[in-house]
N, C-alpha and C. Protein backbone atom coordinates (compact mmCIF):
# COMPACT_ATOMS: atom_id res chain seq x y z
N MET A 1 2.09 -18.48 5.67
CA MET A 1 3.03 -17.46 5.20
C MET A 1 2.87 -16.18 5.99
N GLN A 2 4.23 -15.60 6.15
CA GLN A 2 4.35 -14.45 7.23
C GLN A 2 5.20 -13.30 6.26
N ILE A 3 4.78 -11.96 6.40
CA ILE A 3 5.46 -10.96 5.69
C ILE A 3 5.29 -9.58 6.75
N ALA A 4 6.29 -9.20 6.82
CA ALA A 4 6.41 -7.98 7.72
C ALA A 4 7.61 -7.02 6.96
N ASN A 5 7.34 -5.76 7.04
CA ASN A 5 8.07 -4.64 6.52
C ASN A 5 7.59 -3.36 7.04
N GLN A 6 8.29 -2.21 6.62
CA GLN A 6 7.94 -0.87 6.86
C GLN A 6 8.35 -0.04 5.77
N GLN A 7 7.61 0.97 5.61
CA GLN A 7 7.66 1.95 4.65
C GLN A 7 7.66 3.55 5.21
N THR A 8 8.85 4.22 4.77
CA THR A 8 8.88 5.91 5.08
C THR A 8 7.75 6.32 4.05
N LEU A 9 6.84 7.13 4.90
CA LEU A 9 5.90 7.81 3.82
C LEU A 9 6.32 9.40 4.26
N SER A 10 6.18 10.12 2.96
CA SER A 10 6.29 11.49 2.99
C SER A 10 5.14 12.45 3.30
N VAL A 11 4.44 12.10 4.29
CA VAL A 11 3.22 12.55 4.49
C VAL A 11 3.35 12.49 6.24
N SER A 12 2.31 13.42 7.01
CA SER A 12 2.22 13.27 8.47
C SER A 12 1.46 11.95 8.65
N GLN A 13 1.60 11.56 9.79
CA GLN A 13 0.80 10.45 10.28
C GLN A 13 -0.69 10.47 10.17
N GLN A 14 -1.50 11.76 10.36
CA GLN A 14 -2.85 11.96 10.15
C GLN A 14 -2.95 11.58 8.40
N GLN A 15 -2.16 12.22 7.73
CA GLN A 15 -2.48 12.22 6.18
C GLN A 15 -2.49 10.66 5.87
N ALA A 16 -1.34 9.89 6.30
CA ALA A 16 -1.34 8.76 6.14
C ALA A 16 -2.44 7.72 6.52
N TRP A 17 -2.94 8.02 7.70
CA TRP A 17 -4.29 7.29 8.18
C TRP A 17 -5.38 7.70 7.47
N ASP A 18 -5.50 8.96 7.00
CA ASP A 18 -6.68 9.30 6.01
C ASP A 18 -6.59 8.70 4.81
N ALA A 19 -5.36 8.59 4.26
CA ALA A 19 -5.20 7.83 2.77
C ALA A 19 -5.66 6.29 3.14
N LEU A 20 -5.11 5.77 4.13
CA LEU A 20 -5.32 4.19 4.29
C LEU A 20 -6.87 4.17 4.57
N ASN A 21 -7.61 4.93 4.92
CA ASN A 21 -8.97 4.68 5.19
C ASN A 21 -10.00 5.34 3.81
N HIS A 22 -9.09 5.82 2.97
CA HIS A 22 -10.05 6.41 1.90
C HIS A 22 -10.11 5.45 0.73
N ILE A 23 -11.39 5.02 0.52
CA ILE A 23 -11.67 3.90 -0.39
C ILE A 23 -11.11 3.75 -1.92
N ASP A 24 -11.06 5.15 -2.40
CA ASP A 24 -10.33 5.50 -3.69
C ASP A 24 -9.23 5.34 -3.68
N VAL A 25 -8.42 5.69 -2.71
CA VAL A 25 -6.95 5.54 -2.55
C VAL A 25 -6.56 4.11 -2.43
N LEU A 26 -7.34 3.05 -1.67
CA LEU A 26 -6.93 2.10 -1.35
C LEU A 26 -7.20 1.25 -2.76
N GLN A 27 -8.19 1.41 -3.24
CA GLN A 27 -8.90 0.75 -4.79
C GLN A 27 -7.72 1.08 -5.75
N LYS A 28 -7.11 2.11 -5.77
CA LYS A 28 -6.07 2.40 -6.87
C LYS A 28 -4.58 1.79 -6.35
N ALA A 29 -4.63 1.59 -5.11
CA ALA A 29 -3.25 1.05 -4.31
C ALA A 29 -3.00 -0.48 -4.49
N ILE A 30 -4.12 -0.99 -4.21
CA ILE A 30 -4.30 -2.65 -4.20
C ILE A 30 -3.84 -3.01 -5.77
N PRO A 31 -3.01 -3.74 -5.83
CA PRO A 31 -2.64 -4.33 -7.09
C PRO A 31 -3.74 -5.24 -7.71
N GLY A 32 -4.15 -5.06 -8.95
CA GLY A 32 -5.23 -5.82 -9.47
C GLY A 32 -6.67 -5.63 -8.95
N CYS A 33 -6.66 -4.83 -8.16
CA CYS A 33 -8.12 -4.31 -7.53
C CYS A 33 -9.19 -3.71 -8.70
N GLU A 34 -10.08 -4.61 -8.92
CA GLU A 34 -11.29 -4.30 -9.85
C GLU A 34 -12.21 -3.25 -9.17
N SER A 35 -12.45 -3.79 -7.83
CA SER A 35 -13.55 -3.07 -6.89
C SER A 35 -13.26 -3.11 -5.51
N LEU A 36 -13.61 -2.22 -4.76
CA LEU A 36 -13.84 -1.92 -3.49
C LEU A 36 -14.67 -1.41 -3.06
N VAL A 37 -15.68 -2.10 -2.30
CA VAL A 37 -17.11 -1.51 -1.90
C VAL A 37 -17.10 -1.78 -0.29
N GLU A 38 -17.60 -0.53 0.24
CA GLU A 38 -17.66 -0.62 1.75
C GLU A 38 -19.33 -1.41 1.91
N THR A 39 -19.33 -2.54 2.68
CA THR A 39 -20.48 -3.09 2.68
C THR A 39 -21.31 -2.90 4.19
N ALA A 40 -20.58 -2.45 5.04
CA ALA A 40 -20.60 -1.91 6.47
C ALA A 40 -19.69 -1.18 7.07
N PRO A 41 -19.70 -0.46 8.17
CA PRO A 41 -18.68 0.14 8.56
C PRO A 41 -17.59 -0.64 9.01
N GLN A 42 -16.28 0.04 8.40
CA GLN A 42 -15.15 -0.96 8.53
C GLN A 42 -15.09 -2.45 7.80
N GLN A 43 -15.89 -2.53 6.87
CA GLN A 43 -16.20 -3.78 6.37
C GLN A 43 -16.38 -3.44 4.80
N TYR A 44 -15.69 -4.62 4.07
CA TYR A 44 -15.35 -4.19 2.61
C TYR A 44 -15.61 -5.49 1.55
N GLU A 45 -16.01 -5.30 0.63
CA GLU A 45 -16.01 -6.53 -0.36
C GLU A 45 -14.97 -6.08 -1.55
N VAL A 46 -14.17 -6.85 -1.91
CA VAL A 46 -13.08 -6.76 -2.86
C VAL A 46 -13.04 -7.49 -4.14
N HIS A 47 -12.83 -7.15 -5.23
CA HIS A 47 -12.57 -7.96 -6.41
C HIS A 47 -11.18 -7.77 -6.88
N ILE A 48 -10.56 -8.85 -7.00
CA ILE A 48 -8.96 -8.64 -7.31
C ILE A 48 -8.55 -9.66 -8.47
N LEU A 49 -7.90 -9.16 -9.53
CA LEU A 49 -7.41 -9.98 -10.27
C LEU A 49 -5.81 -10.20 -9.73
N ALA A 50 -5.65 -11.39 -9.80
CA ALA A 50 -4.03 -11.74 -9.23
C ALA A 50 -3.51 -12.97 -9.85
N ALA A 51 -2.21 -12.74 -9.94
CA ALA A 51 -1.51 -14.08 -10.53
C ALA A 51 -0.47 -14.47 -9.44
N VAL A 52 -0.35 -15.59 -9.15
CA VAL A 52 0.60 -16.28 -8.22
C VAL A 52 1.24 -17.42 -9.02
N GLY A 53 2.54 -17.15 -9.62
CA GLY A 53 3.17 -17.94 -10.55
C GLY A 53 2.23 -18.04 -11.84
N PRO A 54 2.21 -19.30 -12.20
CA PRO A 54 1.31 -19.71 -13.44
C PRO A 54 -0.20 -19.54 -13.38
N VAL A 55 -0.58 -19.34 -11.95
CA VAL A 55 -1.96 -19.56 -11.62
C VAL A 55 -2.70 -17.88 -11.85
N LYS A 56 -3.55 -17.70 -12.40
CA LYS A 56 -4.41 -16.28 -12.52
C LYS A 56 -5.67 -16.54 -12.40
N ALA A 57 -6.46 -15.66 -11.60
CA ALA A 57 -7.59 -15.89 -11.16
C ALA A 57 -8.28 -14.65 -10.74
N LYS A 58 -9.50 -14.18 -10.87
CA LYS A 58 -10.26 -13.52 -10.12
C LYS A 58 -10.77 -13.90 -8.68
N PHE A 59 -10.30 -13.00 -7.77
CA PHE A 59 -10.62 -13.18 -6.18
C PHE A 59 -11.76 -12.35 -5.89
N LYS A 60 -12.57 -12.91 -5.18
CA LYS A 60 -13.72 -12.20 -4.37
C LYS A 60 -13.51 -12.33 -3.00
N GLY A 61 -13.33 -11.41 -2.32
CA GLY A 61 -12.99 -11.46 -0.89
C GLY A 61 -13.67 -10.48 -0.08
N LYS A 62 -13.39 -10.60 1.10
CA LYS A 62 -13.83 -9.83 2.39
C LYS A 62 -12.68 -9.22 3.22
N LEU A 63 -12.69 -7.99 3.49
CA LEU A 63 -11.99 -7.07 4.31
C LEU A 63 -12.51 -6.57 5.51
N ARG A 64 -12.15 -6.83 6.61
CA ARG A 64 -12.76 -6.15 7.97
C ARG A 64 -11.75 -5.51 8.61
N LEU A 65 -11.89 -4.24 9.01
CA LEU A 65 -10.90 -3.58 9.97
C LEU A 65 -11.47 -3.72 11.34
N SER A 66 -10.48 -3.95 12.33
CA SER A 66 -10.98 -3.83 13.70
C SER A 66 -9.72 -3.23 14.51
N ASP A 67 -9.90 -3.07 15.79
CA ASP A 67 -8.79 -2.41 16.72
C ASP A 67 -8.17 -1.37 16.13
N LEU A 68 -9.24 -0.38 15.74
CA LEU A 68 -8.74 0.93 15.17
C LEU A 68 -8.23 1.75 16.55
N GLN A 69 -7.20 2.52 16.35
CA GLN A 69 -6.72 3.30 17.35
C GLN A 69 -6.11 4.31 16.35
N PRO A 70 -7.08 5.49 15.76
CA PRO A 70 -6.84 6.67 14.94
C PRO A 70 -5.76 7.50 15.73
N PRO A 71 -4.92 8.11 14.85
CA PRO A 71 -4.25 7.69 13.78
C PRO A 71 -3.16 6.78 13.72
N ALA A 72 -3.08 5.81 14.56
CA ALA A 72 -1.89 5.17 14.85
C ALA A 72 -2.09 3.79 14.35
N SER A 73 -3.25 2.97 14.49
CA SER A 73 -2.92 1.39 14.22
C SER A 73 -4.45 1.23 13.85
N TYR A 74 -4.43 -0.26 13.17
CA TYR A 74 -5.54 -1.19 13.10
C TYR A 74 -5.15 -2.31 12.55
N ARG A 75 -6.23 -3.30 12.71
CA ARG A 75 -5.85 -4.50 12.24
C ARG A 75 -6.85 -4.86 10.92
N ILE A 76 -6.25 -5.62 10.08
CA ILE A 76 -7.37 -6.05 8.97
C ILE A 76 -7.35 -7.62 8.84
N ASP A 77 -8.53 -7.98 8.72
CA ASP A 77 -8.87 -9.40 8.61
C ASP A 77 -9.46 -9.61 7.21
N PHE A 78 -8.76 -10.65 6.50
CA PHE A 78 -9.15 -10.65 5.03
C PHE A 78 -9.42 -12.38 4.56
N GLU A 79 -10.14 -12.33 3.78
CA GLU A 79 -10.35 -13.57 3.10
C GLU A 79 -10.92 -13.70 1.78
N GLY A 80 -10.42 -14.61 0.98
CA GLY A 80 -10.94 -14.56 -0.42
C GLY A 80 -10.99 -15.75 -0.97
N GLN A 81 -11.69 -15.79 -2.25
CA GLN A 81 -11.90 -17.02 -2.84
C GLN A 81 -11.70 -16.98 -4.32
N GLY A 82 -11.04 -17.70 -5.00
CA GLY A 82 -10.69 -17.51 -6.56
C GLY A 82 -10.90 -18.71 -7.13
N GLY A 83 -12.18 -19.32 -6.87
CA GLY A 83 -12.64 -20.57 -7.69
C GLY A 83 -11.77 -21.43 -7.60
N ALA A 84 -11.34 -22.36 -8.69
CA ALA A 84 -10.42 -23.32 -8.88
C ALA A 84 -9.09 -22.88 -8.50
N ALA A 85 -8.82 -21.64 -8.58
CA ALA A 85 -7.32 -21.35 -8.19
C ALA A 85 -6.93 -21.53 -6.81
N GLY A 86 -8.03 -21.22 -6.06
CA GLY A 86 -7.77 -21.58 -4.44
C GLY A 86 -8.36 -20.35 -3.79
N HIS A 87 -7.97 -20.18 -2.51
CA HIS A 87 -8.36 -19.35 -1.69
C HIS A 87 -7.37 -19.02 -0.70
N GLY A 88 -7.77 -18.05 0.18
CA GLY A 88 -6.64 -17.35 1.20
C GLY A 88 -7.38 -16.81 2.23
N LYS A 89 -6.67 -16.70 3.34
CA LYS A 89 -7.42 -16.15 4.65
C LYS A 89 -6.12 -15.38 5.38
N GLY A 90 -6.25 -14.55 6.00
CA GLY A 90 -5.31 -13.90 6.94
C GLY A 90 -5.65 -12.66 7.65
N ASN A 91 -4.66 -12.12 8.34
CA ASN A 91 -4.73 -10.76 8.75
C ASN A 91 -3.48 -9.85 8.81
N ALA A 92 -3.81 -8.82 9.07
CA ALA A 92 -2.54 -7.74 9.11
C ALA A 92 -2.43 -6.77 10.00
N SER A 93 -1.40 -6.39 10.88
CA SER A 93 -1.51 -5.40 11.51
C SER A 93 -0.94 -4.17 11.02
N VAL A 94 -1.31 -3.07 10.94
CA VAL A 94 -0.95 -1.75 10.47
C VAL A 94 -0.66 -0.75 11.60
N ARG A 95 0.58 -0.15 11.57
CA ARG A 95 0.84 0.95 12.72
C ARG A 95 1.68 1.96 11.90
N LEU A 96 1.01 2.89 12.13
CA LEU A 96 1.70 4.39 11.68
C LEU A 96 2.44 5.02 12.77
N GLU A 97 4.03 5.27 12.48
CA GLU A 97 4.77 5.72 13.58
C GLU A 97 5.25 7.21 13.13
N PRO A 98 4.83 8.30 13.67
CA PRO A 98 5.09 9.67 13.21
C PRO A 98 6.81 9.83 13.57
N THR A 99 7.51 10.32 12.48
CA THR A 99 8.83 10.67 12.50
C THR A 99 9.31 12.12 12.54
N SER A 100 8.28 12.90 12.18
CA SER A 100 8.34 14.26 11.83
C SER A 100 6.98 14.93 11.67
N ALA A 101 6.87 16.16 11.27
CA ALA A 101 5.52 16.73 11.37
C ALA A 101 5.12 16.21 10.01
N ASN A 102 6.06 15.83 9.03
CA ASN A 102 5.74 15.53 7.68
C ASN A 102 6.26 14.26 7.18
N THR A 103 6.73 13.32 8.07
CA THR A 103 6.96 11.98 7.62
C THR A 103 6.36 11.06 8.79
N CYS A 104 6.23 9.76 8.09
CA CYS A 104 5.97 8.71 9.35
C CYS A 104 6.37 7.56 8.65
N VAL A 105 6.27 6.39 9.49
CA VAL A 105 6.66 5.27 8.98
C VAL A 105 5.72 4.27 9.04
N LEU A 106 5.26 3.63 8.28
CA LEU A 106 4.26 2.40 8.21
C LEU A 106 4.74 1.12 8.15
N HIS A 107 4.47 0.64 9.36
CA HIS A 107 4.86 -0.96 9.76
C HIS A 107 3.81 -1.82 9.58
N TYR A 108 4.12 -2.94 8.92
CA TYR A 108 2.95 -3.81 8.85
C TYR A 108 3.61 -5.23 8.89
N GLU A 109 2.78 -6.11 9.71
CA GLU A 109 2.88 -7.77 9.59
C GLU A 109 1.52 -8.34 9.47
N ALA A 110 1.87 -9.47 8.25
CA ALA A 110 0.82 -10.04 7.95
C ALA A 110 1.07 -11.32 7.99
N THR A 111 0.15 -12.20 8.33
CA THR A 111 0.15 -13.94 8.33
C THR A 111 -1.16 -14.18 7.22
N ALA A 112 -0.80 -15.04 6.43
CA ALA A 112 -1.70 -15.69 5.52
C ALA A 112 -1.45 -17.06 5.20
N THR A 113 -2.69 -17.81 4.80
CA THR A 113 -2.78 -19.22 4.54
C THR A 113 -3.51 -19.29 3.28
N VAL A 114 -2.87 -20.06 2.30
CA VAL A 114 -3.70 -20.38 1.02
C VAL A 114 -3.81 -21.73 0.71
N GLY A 115 -4.79 -21.98 -0.12
CA GLY A 115 -5.34 -23.47 -0.38
C GLY A 115 -5.41 -23.59 -1.73
N GLY A 116 -5.73 -24.75 -2.23
CA GLY A 116 -6.12 -24.96 -3.61
C GLY A 116 -4.88 -24.82 -4.73
N LYS A 117 -5.06 -24.52 -5.93
CA LYS A 117 -3.84 -24.51 -6.72
C LYS A 117 -2.61 -23.72 -6.26
N ILE A 118 -3.04 -22.56 -5.86
CA ILE A 118 -2.12 -21.42 -5.26
C ILE A 118 -1.23 -22.35 -4.31
N ALA A 119 -1.68 -22.96 -3.56
CA ALA A 119 -0.84 -23.83 -2.47
C ALA A 119 -0.05 -24.76 -2.98
N GLN A 120 -0.41 -25.46 -4.06
CA GLN A 120 0.42 -26.58 -4.90
C GLN A 120 1.42 -25.84 -5.63
N ILE A 121 1.59 -24.73 -5.96
CA ILE A 121 2.62 -23.83 -6.63
C ILE A 121 3.79 -24.21 -5.84
N GLY A 122 3.77 -24.04 -4.53
CA GLY A 122 4.90 -23.93 -3.59
C GLY A 122 5.13 -22.70 -3.02
N GLN A 123 5.56 -22.81 -1.79
CA GLN A 123 5.50 -21.58 -0.80
C GLN A 123 6.43 -20.46 -1.44
N ARG A 124 7.78 -20.98 -1.92
CA ARG A 124 8.64 -19.93 -2.43
C ARG A 124 7.82 -19.03 -3.39
N LEU A 125 7.21 -19.45 -4.44
CA LEU A 125 6.34 -18.75 -5.45
C LEU A 125 5.47 -17.96 -4.74
N VAL A 126 4.71 -18.43 -3.82
CA VAL A 126 3.62 -17.66 -3.21
C VAL A 126 4.28 -16.65 -2.26
N ASP A 127 5.25 -16.79 -1.64
CA ASP A 127 5.90 -15.81 -0.89
C ASP A 127 6.63 -14.71 -1.83
N MET A 128 7.12 -14.95 -3.06
CA MET A 128 7.58 -14.02 -4.07
C MET A 128 6.35 -13.08 -4.60
N ALA A 129 5.29 -13.95 -4.77
CA ALA A 129 4.04 -13.04 -5.36
C ALA A 129 3.62 -12.01 -4.24
N ALA A 130 3.54 -12.57 -2.90
CA ALA A 130 3.17 -11.64 -1.94
C ALA A 130 3.89 -10.35 -1.56
N GLN A 131 5.42 -10.55 -1.91
CA GLN A 131 6.53 -9.61 -1.70
C GLN A 131 6.06 -8.68 -2.98
N LYS A 132 5.89 -9.18 -4.21
CA LYS A 132 5.81 -8.41 -5.26
C LYS A 132 4.49 -7.56 -5.02
N MET A 133 3.41 -8.11 -4.51
CA MET A 133 2.07 -7.24 -4.32
C MET A 133 2.31 -6.15 -3.27
N ALA A 134 3.11 -6.51 -2.31
CA ALA A 134 3.15 -5.59 -1.50
C ALA A 134 4.18 -4.32 -1.76
N GLY A 135 5.23 -4.79 -2.55
CA GLY A 135 5.92 -3.68 -3.21
C GLY A 135 5.09 -2.71 -4.17
N GLU A 136 4.11 -3.38 -5.12
CA GLU A 136 3.55 -2.77 -5.89
C GLU A 136 2.05 -1.92 -5.12
N PHE A 137 2.00 -2.45 -3.96
CA PHE A 137 0.92 -1.57 -3.33
C PHE A 137 1.54 -0.31 -2.90
N PHE A 138 2.69 -0.27 -2.21
CA PHE A 138 3.47 0.95 -1.90
C PHE A 138 3.82 1.79 -2.82
N GLN A 139 4.12 1.32 -4.11
CA GLN A 139 4.26 2.09 -5.16
C GLN A 139 3.20 2.76 -5.37
N ASN A 140 1.87 2.20 -5.71
CA ASN A 140 0.56 2.73 -5.92
C ASN A 140 0.37 3.61 -4.87
N PHE A 141 0.33 3.41 -3.54
CA PHE A 141 0.11 4.04 -2.37
C PHE A 141 0.85 5.48 -2.37
N ASN A 142 2.22 5.41 -2.57
CA ASN A 142 2.94 6.68 -2.62
C ASN A 142 2.71 7.34 -3.90
N ALA A 143 2.36 7.03 -4.90
CA ALA A 143 1.94 7.72 -5.86
C ALA A 143 0.75 8.33 -5.55
N ALA A 144 -0.25 7.65 -5.09
CA ALA A 144 -1.53 8.53 -4.39
C ALA A 144 -1.34 9.37 -3.52
N LEU A 145 -0.39 9.35 -2.67
CA LEU A 145 -0.13 10.15 -1.56
C LEU A 145 0.35 11.35 -2.27
N GLU A 146 1.37 11.36 -3.12
CA GLU A 146 1.91 12.49 -4.13
C GLU A 146 0.85 13.55 -4.47
N GLN A 147 -0.05 12.75 -5.16
CA GLN A 147 -1.16 13.40 -5.79
C GLN A 147 -2.15 14.04 -4.75
N LEU A 148 -2.46 13.37 -3.54
CA LEU A 148 -3.01 13.97 -2.55
C LEU A 148 -2.38 14.99 -1.94
N TYR A 149 -1.24 15.01 -1.54
CA TYR A 149 -0.54 16.02 -0.71
C TYR A 149 0.85 16.25 -1.35
N PRO A 150 0.76 17.29 -2.50
CA PRO A 150 1.96 17.41 -3.11
C PRO A 150 2.78 18.28 -2.28
N ALA A 151 4.17 17.79 -2.40
CA ALA A 151 5.24 18.60 -1.48
C ALA A 151 5.17 20.06 -1.97
N PRO A 152 4.94 21.02 -0.76
CA PRO A 152 5.08 22.55 -0.98
C PRO A 152 6.68 22.84 -1.56
N VAL A 153 6.55 23.86 -2.38
CA VAL A 153 7.77 24.47 -3.05
C VAL A 153 8.19 25.55 -2.31
N ALA A 154 9.12 25.57 -1.59
CA ALA A 154 9.79 26.56 -0.62
C ALA A 154 10.51 27.54 -1.43
N ALA A 155 10.16 28.80 -1.26
CA ALA A 155 10.94 29.70 -1.96
C ALA A 155 12.17 29.94 -1.29
N SER A 156 13.14 30.25 -2.36
CA SER A 156 14.51 30.27 -2.01
C SER A 156 15.22 31.82 -1.35
N PRO A 157 15.66 31.61 -0.06
CA PRO A 157 15.91 32.70 0.47
C PRO A 157 16.95 33.77 -0.42
N GLU A 158 17.80 33.06 -1.16
CA GLU A 158 18.96 33.98 -1.92
C GLU A 158 18.24 34.58 -3.04
N SER A 159 17.35 34.08 -3.50
CA SER A 159 16.65 34.60 -4.75
C SER A 159 15.80 35.73 -4.58
N PRO A 160 15.93 36.90 -5.28
CA PRO A 160 15.00 38.15 -5.02
C PRO A 160 13.71 37.81 -5.54
N ALA A 161 12.76 38.60 -4.99
CA ALA A 161 11.40 38.30 -5.21
C ALA A 161 11.04 39.03 -6.55
N SER A 162 10.26 38.29 -7.33
CA SER A 162 9.98 38.98 -8.63
C SER A 162 8.56 38.41 -8.93
N SER A 163 7.63 39.02 -9.97
CA SER A 163 6.42 38.89 -10.23
C SER A 163 6.27 37.77 -11.08
N ALA A 164 7.35 37.41 -11.67
CA ALA A 164 7.25 36.25 -12.73
C ALA A 164 7.51 34.74 -11.81
N PRO A 165 6.53 33.97 -12.11
CA PRO A 165 6.63 32.63 -11.31
C PRO A 165 7.81 31.91 -12.05
N THR A 166 8.51 31.27 -10.97
CA THR A 166 9.56 30.45 -11.37
C THR A 166 9.24 28.91 -11.43
N PRO A 167 9.47 28.35 -12.60
CA PRO A 167 9.08 27.00 -12.77
C PRO A 167 9.64 26.01 -11.87
N SER A 168 8.69 25.18 -11.29
CA SER A 168 9.39 24.24 -10.35
C SER A 168 10.00 22.84 -10.88
N PRO A 169 10.85 22.55 -10.27
CA PRO A 169 11.72 21.16 -10.87
C PRO A 169 10.65 20.09 -10.99
N PRO A 170 10.80 19.29 -12.42
CA PRO A 170 9.79 18.23 -12.48
C PRO A 170 9.70 17.36 -11.19
N ARG A 171 8.76 16.68 -10.91
CA ARG A 171 8.44 15.74 -9.86
C ARG A 171 8.75 14.44 -10.43
N GLN A 172 9.45 13.52 -9.65
CA GLN A 172 9.78 12.05 -10.10
C GLN A 172 8.59 11.46 -10.01
N PRO A 173 8.08 10.49 -10.54
CA PRO A 173 7.10 9.78 -10.28
C PRO A 173 7.13 8.72 -9.02
N GLY A 174 6.14 8.35 -8.48
CA GLY A 174 6.24 7.37 -7.27
C GLY A 174 7.18 6.19 -7.27
N TRP A 175 6.97 5.49 -8.55
CA TRP A 175 7.62 4.27 -8.97
C TRP A 175 9.25 4.81 -8.88
N TRP A 176 9.61 5.70 -9.52
CA TRP A 176 11.00 6.14 -9.50
C TRP A 176 11.61 6.28 -8.04
N ASN A 177 10.88 7.20 -7.28
CA ASN A 177 11.25 7.24 -5.68
C ASN A 177 11.39 5.79 -5.23
N ALA A 178 10.33 5.11 -5.57
CA ALA A 178 10.52 3.70 -4.74
C ALA A 178 11.68 2.86 -5.19
N LEU A 179 11.83 3.06 -6.38
CA LEU A 179 13.15 2.12 -6.99
C LEU A 179 14.43 3.14 -6.45
N ARG A 180 14.35 4.22 -6.49
CA ARG A 180 15.71 4.69 -5.77
C ARG A 180 15.82 4.41 -4.37
N ARG A 181 14.89 4.47 -3.53
CA ARG A 181 14.87 4.21 -2.02
C ARG A 181 15.47 2.52 -2.23
N TRP A 182 14.94 1.69 -2.86
CA TRP A 182 15.27 0.14 -2.77
C TRP A 182 16.68 0.05 -3.51
N PHE A 183 17.18 0.80 -4.30
CA PHE A 183 18.70 0.73 -4.52
C PHE A 183 19.48 1.30 -3.27
N ALA A 184 19.21 2.41 -2.85
CA ALA A 184 19.73 2.90 -1.70
C ALA A 184 19.88 2.09 -0.46
N ARG A 185 18.70 1.14 -0.25
CA ARG A 185 18.75 0.29 0.84
C ARG A 185 19.59 -1.14 0.63
N ALA A 186 19.57 -1.45 -0.80
CA ALA A 186 20.31 -2.55 -1.19
C ALA A 186 21.53 -2.34 -1.33
N PHE A 187 22.07 -1.19 -1.88
CA PHE A 187 23.43 -0.86 -2.21
C PHE A 187 24.10 0.11 -1.32
N GLY A 188 23.45 0.94 -0.75
CA GLY A 188 23.93 1.98 0.07
C GLY A 188 24.31 1.93 1.38
């Protein structure tokens, strides 16, 4: 199975790099992640509860980062075992491309193989589950970025200065922004 995509992030390349290498951010962003523990520099043990079609299982896996080029790119090698549900193994290349001082594009390409009951489900369901997990990851990751790096509220040049604070407009949650971007790409 191969999956490749890109996501525009509303943070600088360095901020995105820092978040991608922050264990708490990653644990919140990875769908179904129950724990993520660094076992050695750039090596992690992960426990994930995942569902692929009708097969649900807890997976125990290992992640290893390599080819680090801060703040631009790295490679992730991963493998996981879900007992009778099956196993998976693969790698991903992640690249951050700055587009302005406050935005960047995260490009990724991943290749994975699965075995066991998961493989018997069929490639189409496995691909759909992978796409869904990638979408959830970015929804969660964007929400974490919004919490870590809230957008500054610029003062309006037309409004006179006053001592009373002006209420800022309510921020839309990360999932809402992701949905809006999806509709814009699909129908815009």
